[in-house]
Amino acid sequence: MTAVHSPVDSSKLVAYLREQRGVLISGGQGDLKGHIFRIGHMGTVDLGQIERTVEALADGLTNLGYDADAAVMLEAARDAASRGVR
């Protein structure tokens, strides 16, 4: 599980990704509701799933008014994936 501080209302981001892109992430709980989103990545996750999630995040962030650069986000994700788990 990775928790990320969201530059937009994370409740809206979670809903957008679920409804418009079919990608399931979770929002924050308690005091963090609306402020963070959480991405689960236990078990087998392949590069295609990572890319789909990152592309959806970029789309959702942009749709909600944040200037997200999908190409930069994808490059960072691919770079991290190429280095593997340490």
PDB file of N, CA and C in Angstrom:
ATOM      1  N   MET A   1       0.851  -1.170   0.000  1.00  0.00           N
ATOM      2  CA  MET A   1       0.000   0.000   0.000  1.00  0.00           C
ATOM      3  C   MET A   1       0.897   1.233   0.000  1.00  0.00           C
ATOM      4  N   THR A   2       0.585   2.147  -0.893  1.00  0.00           N
ATOM      5  CA  THR A   2       1.273   3.432  -0.926  1.00  0.00           C
ATOM      6  C   THR A   2       0.238   4.524  -0.719  1.00  0.00           C
ATOM      7  N   ALA A   3       0.510   5.427   0.219  1.00  0.00           N
ATOM      8  CA  ALA A   3      -0.363   6.574   0.469  1.00  0.00           C
ATOM      9  C   ALA A   3       0.288   7.810  -0.146  1.00  0.00           C
ATOM     10  N   VAL A   4      -0.527   8.606  -0.838  1.00  0.00           N
ATOM     11  CA  VAL A   4      -0.021   9.771  -1.560  1.00  0.00           C
ATOM     12  C   VAL A   4      -0.829  10.995  -1.160  1.00  0.00           C
ATOM     13  N   HIS A   5      -0.129  12.087  -0.818  1.00  0.00           N
ATOM     14  CA  HIS A   5      -0.825  13.351  -0.561  1.00  0.00           C
ATOM     15  C   HIS A   5      -1.390  13.833  -1.889  1.00  0.00           C
ATOM     16  N   SER A   6      -2.657  14.179  -1.906  1.00  0.00           N
ATOM     17  CA  SER A   6      -3.324  14.543  -3.151  1.00  0.00           C
ATOM     18  C   SER A   6      -3.402  16.057  -3.322  1.00  0.00           C
ATOM     19  N   PRO A   7      -3.046  16.564  -4.506  1.00  0.00           N
ATOM     20  CA  PRO A   7      -3.165  17.999  -4.763  1.00  0.00           C
ATOM     21  C   PRO A   7      -4.604  18.428  -5.064  1.00  0.00           C
ATOM     22  N   VAL A   8      -5.504  17.466  -5.167  1.00  0.00           N
ATOM     23  CA  VAL A   8      -6.931  17.730  -5.386  1.00  0.00           C
ATOM     24  C   VAL A   8      -7.712  16.956  -4.331  1.00  0.00           C
ATOM     25  N   ASP A   9      -9.005  17.189  -4.257  1.00  0.00           N
ATOM     26  CA  ASP A   9      -9.850  16.445  -3.318  1.00  0.00           C
ATOM     27  C   ASP A   9      -9.773  14.961  -3.668  1.00  0.00           C
ATOM     28  N   SER A  10      -9.158  14.193  -2.798  1.00  0.00           N
ATOM     29  CA  SER A  10      -8.933  12.779  -3.125  1.00  0.00           C
ATOM     30  C   SER A  10     -10.226  11.985  -3.217  1.00  0.00           C
ATOM     31  N   SER A  11     -11.274  12.417  -2.531  1.00  0.00           N
ATOM     32  CA  SER A  11     -12.562  11.722  -2.647  1.00  0.00           C
ATOM     33  C   SER A  11     -13.090  11.819  -4.074  1.00  0.00           C
ATOM     34  N   LYS A  12     -12.928  12.995  -4.680  1.00  0.00           N
ATOM     35  CA  LYS A  12     -13.354  13.189  -6.067  1.00  0.00           C
ATOM     36  C   LYS A  12     -12.465  12.397  -7.023  1.00  0.00           C
ATOM     37  N   LEU A  13     -11.175  12.342  -6.730  1.00  0.00           N
ATOM     38  CA  LEU A  13     -10.245  11.590  -7.573  1.00  0.00           C
ATOM     39  C   LEU A  13     -10.569  10.102  -7.547  1.00  0.00           C
ATOM     40  N   VAL A  14     -10.809   9.562  -6.357  1.00  0.00           N
ATOM     41  CA  VAL A  14     -11.162   8.143  -6.216  1.00  0.00           C
ATOM     42  C   VAL A  14     -12.421   7.838  -7.024  1.00  0.00           C
ATOM     43  N   ALA A  15     -13.432   8.698  -6.902  1.00  0.00           N
ATOM     44  CA  ALA A  15     -14.693   8.490  -7.619  1.00  0.00           C
ATOM     45  C   ALA A  15     -14.486   8.576  -9.131  1.00  0.00           C
ATOM     46  N   TYR A  16     -13.713   9.555  -9.591  1.00  0.00           N
ATOM     47  CA  TYR A  16     -13.472   9.715 -11.023  1.00  0.00           C
ATOM     48  C   TYR A  16     -12.777   8.484 -11.599  1.00  0.00           C
ATOM     49  N   LEU A  17     -11.729   8.033 -10.931  1.00  0.00           N
ATOM     50  CA  LEU A  17     -11.001   6.869 -11.441  1.00  0.00           C
ATOM     51  C   LEU A  17     -11.887   5.634 -11.496  1.00  0.00           C
ATOM     52  N   ARG A  18     -12.712   5.453 -10.485  1.00  0.00           N
ATOM     53  CA  ARG A  18     -13.608   4.291 -10.457  1.00  0.00           C
ATOM     54  C   ARG A  18     -14.656   4.396 -11.569  1.00  0.00           C
ATOM     55  N   GLU A  19     -15.318   5.541 -11.654  1.00  0.00           N
ATOM     56  CA  GLU A  19     -16.452   5.700 -12.572  1.00  0.00           C
ATOM     57  C   GLU A  19     -16.038   5.891 -14.027  1.00  0.00           C
ATOM     58  N   GLN A  20     -14.971   6.627 -14.267  1.00  0.00           N
ATOM     59  CA  GLN A  20     -14.591   6.966 -15.638  1.00  0.00           C
ATOM     60  C   GLN A  20     -13.509   6.066 -16.226  1.00  0.00           C
ATOM     61  N   ARG A  21     -12.658   5.496 -15.356  1.00  0.00           N
ATOM     62  CA  ARG A  21     -11.520   4.724 -15.861  1.00  0.00           C
ATOM     63  C   ARG A  21     -11.508   3.271 -15.410  1.00  0.00           C
ATOM     64  N   GLY A  22     -12.396   2.905 -14.492  1.00  0.00           N
ATOM     65  CA  GLY A  22     -12.434   1.528 -14.005  1.00  0.00           C
ATOM     66  C   GLY A  22     -11.235   1.149 -13.160  1.00  0.00           C
ATOM     67  N   VAL A  23     -10.586   2.137 -12.563  1.00  0.00           N
ATOM     68  CA  VAL A  23      -9.413   1.915 -11.714  1.00  0.00           C
ATOM     69  C   VAL A  23      -9.823   2.138 -10.265  1.00  0.00           C
ATOM     70  N   LEU A  24      -9.505   1.165  -9.420  1.00  0.00           N
ATOM     71  CA  LEU A  24      -9.895   1.234  -8.016  1.00  0.00           C
ATOM     72  C   LEU A  24      -8.707   1.596  -7.140  1.00  0.00           C
ATOM     73  N   ILE A  25      -8.797   2.757  -6.506  1.00  0.00           N
ATOM     74  CA  ILE A  25      -7.866   3.168  -5.468  1.00  0.00           C
ATOM     75  C   ILE A  25      -8.723   3.538  -4.269  1.00  0.00           C
ATOM     76  N   SER A  26      -8.096   3.817  -3.145  1.00  0.00           N
ATOM     77  CA  SER A  26      -8.843   4.168  -1.937  1.00  0.00           C
ATOM     78  C   SER A  26      -8.487   5.574  -1.500  1.00  0.00           C
ATOM     79  N   GLY A  27      -9.425   6.205  -0.813  1.00  0.00           N
ATOM     80  CA  GLY A  27      -9.177   7.524  -0.250  1.00  0.00           C
ATOM     81  C   GLY A  27      -8.646   7.410   1.167  1.00  0.00           C
ATOM     82  N   GLY A  28      -8.433   8.556   1.770  1.00  0.00           N
ATOM     83  CA  GLY A  28      -7.989   8.589   3.156  1.00  0.00           C
ATOM     84  C   GLY A  28      -9.151   8.341   4.103  1.00  0.00           C
ATOM     85  N   GLN A  29      -8.814   8.078   5.354  1.00  0.00           N
ATOM     86  CA  GLN A  29      -9.814   7.849   6.387  1.00  0.00           C
ATOM     87  C   GLN A  29      -9.621   8.886   7.487  1.00  0.00           C
ATOM     88  N   GLY A  30     -10.680   9.147   8.226  1.00  0.00           N
ATOM     89  CA  GLY A  30     -10.592  10.079   9.349  1.00  0.00           C
ATOM     90  C   GLY A  30     -10.126  11.454   8.902  1.00  0.00           C
ATOM     91  N   ASP A  31      -9.128  11.989   9.613  1.00  0.00           N
ATOM     92  CA  ASP A  31      -8.608  13.324   9.304  1.00  0.00           C
ATOM     93  C   ASP A  31      -7.956  13.412   7.923  1.00  0.00           C
ATOM     94  N   LEU A  32      -7.612  12.273   7.346  1.00  0.00           N
ATOM     95  CA  LEU A  32      -6.959  12.269   6.032  1.00  0.00           C
ATOM     96  C   LEU A  32      -7.945  12.168   4.872  1.00  0.00           C
ATOM     97  N   LYS A  33      -9.233  12.020   5.179  1.00  0.00           N
ATOM     98  CA  LYS A  33     -10.245  11.926   4.123  1.00  0.00           C
ATOM     99  C   LYS A  33     -10.216  13.203   3.284  1.00  0.00           C
ATOM    100  N   GLY A  34     -10.142  13.020   1.973  1.00  0.00           N
ATOM    101  CA  GLY A  34     -10.087  14.150   1.053  1.00  0.00           C
ATOM    102  C   GLY A  34      -8.683  14.670   0.805  1.00  0.00           C
ATOM    103  N   HIS A  35      -7.697  14.170   1.592  1.00  0.00           N
ATOM    104  CA  HIS A  35      -6.334  14.686   1.495  1.00  0.00           C
ATOM    105  C   HIS A  35      -5.330  13.703   0.909  1.00  0.00           C
ATOM    106  N   ILE A  36      -5.593  12.406   1.037  1.00  0.00           N
ATOM    107  CA  ILE A  36      -4.669  11.410   0.488  1.00  0.00           C
ATOM    108  C   ILE A  36      -5.449  10.392  -0.331  1.00  0.00           C
ATOM    109  N   PHE A  37      -4.724   9.670  -1.177  1.00  0.00           N
ATOM    110  CA  PHE A  37      -5.288   8.475  -1.799  1.00  0.00           C
ATOM    111  C   PHE A  37      -4.295   7.351  -1.586  1.00  0.00           C
ATOM    112  N   ARG A  38      -4.815   6.129  -1.632  1.00  0.00           N
ATOM    113  CA  ARG A  38      -3.982   4.952  -1.370  1.00  0.00           C
ATOM    114  C   ARG A  38      -4.078   3.994  -2.550  1.00  0.00           C
ATOM    115  N   ILE A  39      -2.925   3.457  -2.922  1.00  0.00           N
ATOM    116  CA  ILE A  39      -2.851   2.500  -4.021  1.00  0.00           C
ATOM    117  C   ILE A  39      -2.346   1.179  -3.455  1.00  0.00           C
ATOM    118  N   GLY A  40      -3.129   0.130  -3.643  1.00  0.00           N
ATOM    119  CA  GLY A  40      -2.714  -1.198  -3.204  1.00  0.00           C
ATOM    120  C   GLY A  40      -1.869  -1.862  -4.271  1.00  0.00           C
ATOM    121  N   HIS A  41      -0.802  -2.516  -3.838  1.00  0.00           N
ATOM    122  CA  HIS A  41       0.071  -3.188  -4.803  1.00  0.00           C
ATOM    123  C   HIS A  41       0.689  -4.447  -4.207  1.00  0.00           C
ATOM    124  N   MET A  42      -0.091  -5.145  -3.409  1.00  0.00           N
ATOM    125  CA  MET A  42       0.386  -6.425  -2.878  1.00  0.00           C
ATOM    126  C   MET A  42       0.115  -7.512  -3.913  1.00  0.00           C
ATOM    127  N   GLY A  43       0.944  -8.511  -3.923  1.00  0.00           N
ATOM    128  CA  GLY A  43       0.771  -9.589  -4.892  1.00  0.00           C
ATOM    129  C   GLY A  43       1.454  -9.248  -6.196  1.00  0.00           C
ATOM    130  N   THR A  44       1.043  -9.925  -7.244  1.00  0.00           N
ATOM    131  CA  THR A  44       1.655  -9.743  -8.550  1.00  0.00           C
ATOM    132  C   THR A  44       1.055  -8.530  -9.248  1.00  0.00           C
ATOM    133  N   VAL A  45       1.899  -7.592  -9.594  1.00  0.00           N
ATOM    134  CA  VAL A  45       1.495  -6.399 -10.341  1.00  0.00           C
ATOM    135  C   VAL A  45       2.460  -6.286 -11.511  1.00  0.00           C
ATOM    136  N   ASP A  46       1.912  -6.164 -12.725  1.00  0.00           N
ATOM    137  CA  ASP A  46       2.804  -6.055 -13.880  1.00  0.00           C
ATOM    138  C   ASP A  46       2.874  -4.616 -14.378  1.00  0.00           C
ATOM    139  N   LEU A  47       3.814  -4.361 -15.272  1.00  0.00           N
ATOM    140  CA  LEU A  47       4.035  -3.007 -15.775  1.00  0.00           C
ATOM    141  C   LEU A  47       2.787  -2.442 -16.442  1.00  0.00           C
ATOM    142  N   GLY A  48       2.041  -3.262 -17.144  1.00  0.00           N
ATOM    143  CA  GLY A  48       0.810  -2.790 -17.782  1.00  0.00           C
ATOM    144  C   GLY A  48      -0.193  -2.256 -16.775  1.00  0.00           C
ATOM    145  N   GLN A  49      -0.324  -2.925 -15.645  1.00  0.00           N
ATOM    146  CA  GLN A  49      -1.239  -2.457 -14.600  1.00  0.00           C
ATOM    147  C   GLN A  49      -0.748  -1.142 -14.000  1.00  0.00           C
ATOM    148  N   ILE A  50       0.553  -1.046 -13.816  1.00  0.00           N
ATOM    149  CA  ILE A  50       1.128   0.196 -13.288  1.00  0.00           C
ATOM    150  C   ILE A  50       0.879   1.337 -14.266  1.00  0.00           C
ATOM    151  N   GLU A  51       1.144   1.098 -15.544  1.00  0.00           N
ATOM    152  CA  GLU A  51       0.941   2.137 -16.557  1.00  0.00           C
ATOM    153  C   GLU A  51      -0.519   2.559 -16.629  1.00  0.00           C
ATOM    154  N   ARG A  52      -1.426   1.604 -16.583  1.00  0.00           N
ATOM    155  CA  ARG A  52      -2.857   1.924 -16.641  1.00  0.00           C
ATOM    156  C   ARG A  52      -3.262   2.794 -15.453  1.00  0.00           C
ATOM    157  N   THR A  53      -2.754   2.471 -14.278  1.00  0.00           N
ATOM    158  CA  THR A  53      -3.085   3.243 -13.083  1.00  0.00           C
ATOM    159  C   THR A  53      -2.497   4.647 -13.164  1.00  0.00           C
ATOM    160  N   VAL A  54      -1.248   4.754 -13.592  1.00  0.00           N
ATOM    161  CA  VAL A  54      -0.599   6.063 -13.701  1.00  0.00           C
ATOM    162  C   VAL A  54      -1.301   6.925 -14.752  1.00  0.00           C
ATOM    163  N   GLU A  55      -1.646   6.350 -15.891  1.00  0.00           N
ATOM    164  CA  GLU A  55      -2.375   7.101 -16.921  1.00  0.00           C
ATOM    165  C   GLU A  55      -3.723   7.577 -16.396  1.00  0.00           C
ATOM    166  N   ALA A  56      -4.419   6.716 -15.668  1.00  0.00           N
ATOM    167  CA  ALA A  56      -5.711   7.089 -15.092  1.00  0.00           C
ATOM    168  C   ALA A  56      -5.542   8.197 -14.064  1.00  0.00           C
ATOM    169  N   LEU A  57      -4.505   8.100 -13.235  1.00  0.00           N
ATOM    170  CA  LEU A  57      -4.243   9.153 -12.248  1.00  0.00           C
ATOM    171  C   LEU A  57      -3.990  10.489 -12.935  1.00  0.00           C
ATOM    172  N   ALA A  58      -3.175  10.486 -13.975  1.00  0.00           N
ATOM    173  CA  ALA A  58      -2.895  11.724 -14.706  1.00  0.00           C
ATOM    174  C   ALA A  58      -4.180  12.307 -15.280  1.00  0.00           C
ATOM    175  N   ASP A  59      -5.013  11.461 -15.854  1.00  0.00           N
ATOM    176  CA  ASP A  59      -6.291  11.901 -16.409  1.00  0.00           C
ATOM    177  C   ASP A  59      -7.186  12.480 -15.315  1.00  0.00           C
ATOM    178  N   GLY A  60      -7.297  11.767 -14.202  1.00  0.00           N
ATOM    179  CA  GLY A  60      -8.147  12.227 -13.107  1.00  0.00           C
ATOM    180  C   GLY A  60      -7.665  13.532 -12.507  1.00  0.00           C
ATOM    181  N   LEU A  61      -6.368  13.632 -12.276  1.00  0.00           N
ATOM    182  CA  LEU A  61      -5.812  14.870 -11.719  1.00  0.00           C
ATOM    183  C   LEU A  61      -6.063  16.046 -12.655  1.00  0.00           C
ATOM    184  N   THR A  62      -5.833  15.836 -13.950  1.00  0.00           N
ATOM    185  CA  THR A  62      -6.065  16.890 -14.936  1.00  0.00           C
ATOM    186  C   THR A  62      -7.532  17.284 -14.971  1.00  0.00           C
ATOM    187  N   ASN A  63      -8.412  16.291 -14.961  1.00  0.00           N
ATOM    188  CA  ASN A  63      -9.850  16.555 -14.982  1.00  0.00           C
ATOM    189  C   ASN A  63     -10.289  17.371 -13.774  1.00  0.00           C
ATOM    190  N   LEU A  64      -9.602  17.204 -12.660  1.00  0.00           N
ATOM    191  CA  LEU A  64      -9.959  17.913 -11.429  1.00  0.00           C
ATOM    192  C   LEU A  64      -9.161  19.205 -11.240  1.00  0.00           C
ATOM    193  N   GLY A  65      -8.452  19.640 -12.298  1.00  0.00           N
ATOM    194  CA  GLY A  65      -7.820  20.951 -12.278  1.00  0.00           C
ATOM    195  C   GLY A  65      -6.343  21.000 -11.939  1.00  0.00           C
ATOM    196  N   TYR A  66      -5.700  19.854 -11.784  1.00  0.00           N
ATOM    197  CA  TYR A  66      -4.266  19.834 -11.490  1.00  0.00           C
ATOM    198  C   TYR A  66      -3.508  19.580 -12.785  1.00  0.00           C
ATOM    199  N   ASP A  67      -2.407  20.285 -12.985  1.00  0.00           N
ATOM    200  CA  ASP A  67      -1.615  20.149 -14.211  1.00  0.00           C
ATOM    201  C   ASP A  67      -0.710  18.923 -14.103  1.00  0.00           C
ATOM    202  N   ALA A  68      -1.245  17.763 -14.462  1.00  0.00           N
ATOM    203  CA  ALA A  68      -0.494  16.502 -14.391  1.00  0.00           C
ATOM    204  C   ALA A  68       0.057  16.167 -15.769  1.00  0.00           C
ATOM    205  N   ASP A  69       1.329  15.826 -15.830  1.00  0.00           N
ATOM    206  CA  ASP A  69       1.983  15.471 -17.087  1.00  0.00           C
ATOM    207  C   ASP A  69       2.102  13.950 -17.160  1.00  0.00           C
ATOM    208  N   ALA A  70       1.211  13.329 -17.919  1.00  0.00           N
ATOM    209  CA  ALA A  70       1.172  11.866 -18.002  1.00  0.00           C
ATOM    210  C   ALA A  70       2.497  11.291 -18.488  1.00  0.00           C
ATOM    211  N   ALA A  71       3.145  11.945 -19.444  1.00  0.00           N
ATOM    212  CA  ALA A  71       4.404  11.424 -19.984  1.00  0.00           C
ATOM    213  C   ALA A  71       5.484  11.378 -18.908  1.00  0.00           C
ATOM    214  N   VAL A  72       5.578  12.415 -18.107  1.00  0.00           N
ATOM    215  CA  VAL A  72       6.572  12.461 -17.028  1.00  0.00           C
ATOM    216  C   VAL A  72       6.244  11.418 -15.969  1.00  0.00           C
ATOM    217  N   MET A  73       4.967  11.304 -15.630  1.00  0.00           N
ATOM    218  CA  MET A  73       4.545  10.322 -14.630  1.00  0.00           C
ATOM    219  C   MET A  73       4.844   8.902 -15.099  1.00  0.00           C
ATOM    220  N   LEU A  74       4.548   8.618 -16.366  1.00  0.00           N
ATOM    221  CA  LEU A  74       4.813   7.282 -16.907  1.00  0.00           C
ATOM    222  C   LEU A  74       6.308   6.981 -16.956  1.00  0.00           C
ATOM    223  N   GLU A  75       7.112   7.959 -17.340  1.00  0.00           N
ATOM    224  CA  GLU A  75       8.559   7.752 -17.385  1.00  0.00           C
ATOM    225  C   GLU A  75       9.094   7.416 -15.990  1.00  0.00           C
ATOM    226  N   ALA A  76       8.619   8.131 -14.978  1.00  0.00           N
ATOM    227  CA  ALA A  76       9.067   7.862 -13.607  1.00  0.00           C
ATOM    228  C   ALA A  76       8.642   6.465 -13.155  1.00  0.00           C
ATOM    229  N   ALA A  77       7.422   6.076 -13.488  1.00  0.00           N
ATOM    230  CA  ALA A  77       6.932   4.745 -13.105  1.00  0.00           C
ATOM    231  C   ALA A  77       7.726   3.648 -13.809  1.00  0.00           C
ATOM    232  N   ARG A  78       7.994   3.840 -15.092  1.00  0.00           N
ATOM    233  CA  ARG A  78       8.765   2.837 -15.845  1.00  0.00           C
ATOM    234  C   ARG A  78      10.194   2.734 -15.318  1.00  0.00           C
ATOM    235  N   ASP A  79      10.774   3.877 -14.970  1.00  0.00           N
ATOM    236  CA  ASP A  79      12.127   3.869 -14.422  1.00  0.00           C
ATOM    237  C   ASP A  79      12.160   3.104 -13.101  1.00  0.00           C
ATOM    238  N   ALA A  80      11.204   3.385 -12.231  1.00  0.00           N
ATOM    239  CA  ALA A  80      11.145   2.673 -10.946  1.00  0.00           C
ATOM    240  C   ALA A  80      10.940   1.176 -11.161  1.00  0.00           C
ATOM    241  N   ALA A  81      10.058   0.822 -12.086  1.00  0.00           N
ATOM    242  CA  ALA A  81       9.785  -0.597 -12.352  1.00  0.00           C
ATOM    243  C   ALA A  81      11.015  -1.301 -12.922  1.00  0.00           C
ATOM    244  N   SER A  82      11.789  -0.595 -13.728  1.00  0.00           N
ATOM    245  CA  SER A  82      12.970  -1.217 -14.340  1.00  0.00           C
ATOM    246  C   SER A  82      14.052  -1.529 -13.308  1.00  0.00           C
ATOM    247  N   ARG A  83      14.048  -0.793 -12.202  1.00  0.00           N
ATOM    248  CA  ARG A  83      15.029  -1.027 -11.140  1.00  0.00           C
ATOM    249  C   ARG A  83      14.605  -2.149 -10.208  1.00  0.00           C
ATOM    250  N   GLY A  84      13.327  -2.521 -10.251  1.00  0.00           N
ATOM    251  CA  GLY A  84      12.844  -3.641  -9.441  1.00  0.00           C
ATOM    252  C   GLY A  84      12.740  -3.317  -7.966  1.00  0.00           C
ATOM    253  N   VAL A  85      12.345  -4.320  -7.224  1.00  0.00           N
ATOM    254  CA  VAL A  85      12.173  -4.188  -5.776  1.00  0.00           C
ATOM    255  C   VAL A  85      13.510  -4.420  -5.104  1.00  0.00           C
ATOM    256  N   ARG A  86      13.822  -3.585  -4.141  1.00  0.00           N
ATOM    257  CA  ARG A  86      15.085  -3.733  -3.396  1.00  0.00           C
ATOM    258  C   ARG A  86      14.790  -4.070  -1.964  1.00  0.00           C
TER     259      ARG A  86
END
